[in-house]
């Protein structure tokens, strides 16, 4: 208390502000004629206050200025537009979340910082308590309606005010209920939302999203929509929507039963059954449906409803860049994003007729659905066919779309519970999907591209949360075509790759909170899955038009051909770490990858088998199968579908690709044994897989190296070397040839000039040096002590990986510690009589000496050609879709990253020779760009990109996009000219 009084002493202006804004006279607040100057002074002082302690805001909270002066001022002043606008600005500033004002993690480490956080939270809670008064939200919504009524005539001040109103409501809904001083069992969030919907805010929000001059307010409106649904479970809304759609199935006429939460007599979204003296304006539809009601019921309805005139006009909106909430909002609830089972059954739509009699006596806002159903069954209506039900649903949705109302009624002065709010959101969900969802999502993508500082979380959330409702309602495709598009899924892929690169950099930083970043990646994974499942669902709908069918087929083809999208899940799985990520995250990544594989398999792409084969090969490394084994460890909790996803990939790896040894891991074998012993119920295919792997593991000989058969732990290196030498002298040949069928490891040893004895010694040398500060140096020293002096540090690390002594992650850690040299031993390169440039020498070295070096040169060449293609056809519509990474990098004029998707590509980016090749070609190395991956400079033109690709070797003529353009390579003027020629259909 003493400290708070000290603030008031430090801020004497607060006392004058409190006393001079106005005064309460009875039930009326009389504003000071100079109140607008005082409000502007408050805003200026808040803008320049101490950004560490925020003493002014804390003093405002202690003085209860919001409750005593600001809100009464907003309510009482009705005609002075400037006072209302400025008051809303001040309230929007005061309700800014704490995480946007202070570095919470840093401040929470000191007592003064913790006090500041507690008291700023108290300010926010007191603000939310103040807005429980419906008159406050009524004034804001009425002000919004007045501005929207101007339509295209809105000026910049109007747009700014609309933006401030949206930000204020968003901030209020963002404040947690916490320690609000309200009755037990009452939610402040539910009460405020109830008041908003009762006051027609849903209609105003949809008009702001779809109306004119909405450019810079989309992010704030998206955040507001997210906050409306933050406590709503998907399953609850799906059940309510099923009940809503059932009402149309049981309806005899398309004109009847227009709303399930309002009396059938009126088609009104805003009529309020209330005695509130300030409830002044409500909307009624001009066209009322014909209804058949008994005289008593009809008369009762008329007596309980006040009919008022509809406020009409061209509703629009303004725009202003939202700079007031640049903090991450990713901590919002994302419940309902759990993995969906393949056989997920539709939620029960039982009408519960036995409860209908009780529900009839409830007020009209409380779910009278079953009452309506029962009356129809009582009348003996025959059941409708499936086709008739679908037609009735479509008609109902069409009427809902063309109506200028939202079918909802609510009571003011009602204490709502969670079910009441869910009913309101059910009605709003239908109208939002029909009228605003497509516009909001498609235009958000454009705005996010223009401003890289905006938070992307809400974009992914809108896709992941609402698409399942659109599929459930079977909306016509044109309502969501802007969402179900290659542009959206391509943008998600690009964002996902960016987040993965940021994750690589954040891992290297100490005291860095990665959890928020991982939640963003998780949302992108979920959004991609919902998009793929939505497209699959619409492909199964029989009544869509031929144009929609063609659109979906082309969309599925473009998505299936996107290599970046497929590789994104390889990268996500490779980066998974049990210490950092949750098992649910791993589950969603694996399931979404499985959904993508199924999606590609059902597409019309000609080379589907080749695409799937090449993609599955990237899951062969031990590190990738280790992640599948980690998820399978919880086979009893996973559910049938998740286990199917895991077993399917293991089947491909062990069976189709014949890499059963990738499953010879303790965790996988232990889990297989548990499934087998416990007789866990799985299909015959997976039982056969388990039996096959265990049988192979038992019968595959694991030979002991010849030189170590008589190895004793305490024997000296000299003795070990001597025994090996005697053995070789006795046999006259290397022990490498003892095995009639050399193993893959032996082949690797031979190709890299490691004989069998050297390979056999490597494991034991590494065991002896593993705990030393420099294990690699210890291994090299042990080889040197044994008389083997030709082993380099890089060679030892690569051989450790090839023999599976270390994992891919350990390999990367060891390689990071090795200095990157910019020179190589040119004596190892075959120098021709004619001089050759360094690029040719490096390329030949990679192809001859490095494992799969030619494959990585082809990979680098393809990245260059994809970037060339993206820059060439950036603004054109083509038959071939552009890869997301190259497309958006070219669009934003950024350097194009060469992303190491797979474990093999990560190893190649650690190669000194490969990095030197990139340097000689002019690429930006990771250290130069401050990134995790090398980059193609943004200044390279299409001609430069093509010429660099040609330097790496002849271009494969079978590349599907090669024929789409030809390069004027021999331009006499030396200009970067690229002429594009689109192939005719008969050339395909």
Foldseek 3Di string as FASTA:
>chain_A
DVVLVVLCVVVVVVVVLLVQQFDDDPPATGGHPCNLVSLVVLVVCQVPDDLQQSSVLLNCLVVVCVQGHLQSQLLRDDPDPSSNLSSLLSLLQLLQDPVLRHVLVVLVVDPSSVVSNVSSLSSLLSNLLSPLPLSSLLSLVVLLVVLQQCAPPHDQSQQVSVLSSLSNLLSSLPRANPPRPDDPQFGSNLSNLQSCQLNVVLLSLLQAQPGPANQQRLLSSLSNVCSLCLPPALLLLLQVVLLVLVLLQLDPDLLFPLDQLADGFFQFRHWEQEPDPPSDDGDGFPDTGDDDDDPVVVVVVVVRTDDDYHDDHRGHHHHDHDPRHLDDPLVGHLPNLFDDFPPRDRDDNDLPLVCQVVVVPDDSRQRNSSVSNVVSVVVVDDGDDPVVSLVSLQSSLVVLLPDSHQRHYHYPPDRDHPNSSSSSVSSSLSNCLQRRLLSSLLSVLVVCLVDVSHHCQSSLSSLLRNLVVCLSSVHACVSNVSPLAPVNLLVLLQVLLVLLQVVVVQVVDPPGDCQSSLSSNLSSLSSLLSSLVSLVSNCPDDPHDPVVNVVSQLRLQQLLPFPSSLLSLLQVLLPDDVVRDPLSSLLSSLLSNLSSLVSLVPHPHPPSVVSSLVSLVLCQALSNLVSLLVNLLVVVPNDQRSVVSSLVSLCCNCPVVVSLVSQPDPSNLVSLVVCVVVVPDDDPVSVVVSVVSVVCVVPPDDDQQPLCPVPDPPDDLQVSLVSLVVVCVVVVHAPQVVDVDHDPLCVVCVLQVHHSVNLNVLLVQLVVQVPPPQSLVSSQVSCVVSVRNPDDSLNSLVSCVSVVVDHLVVSLVNLVPDDQDLDDDCVPFDQDPDHDDPLVRLLVCQVRNNDCSVVVLLLVLVVLLLLLVLLVQLPHDASHDRHSQSNSCLVSLHWRFSDQSGSVSSVLLSDSSSVSSCVVLPWAQCVRVVIDTITHHSPDHSLSSNVSSVSSDDDDPPPPCPQQWDAPNVDPVPDRDTDGDGDDPVVD
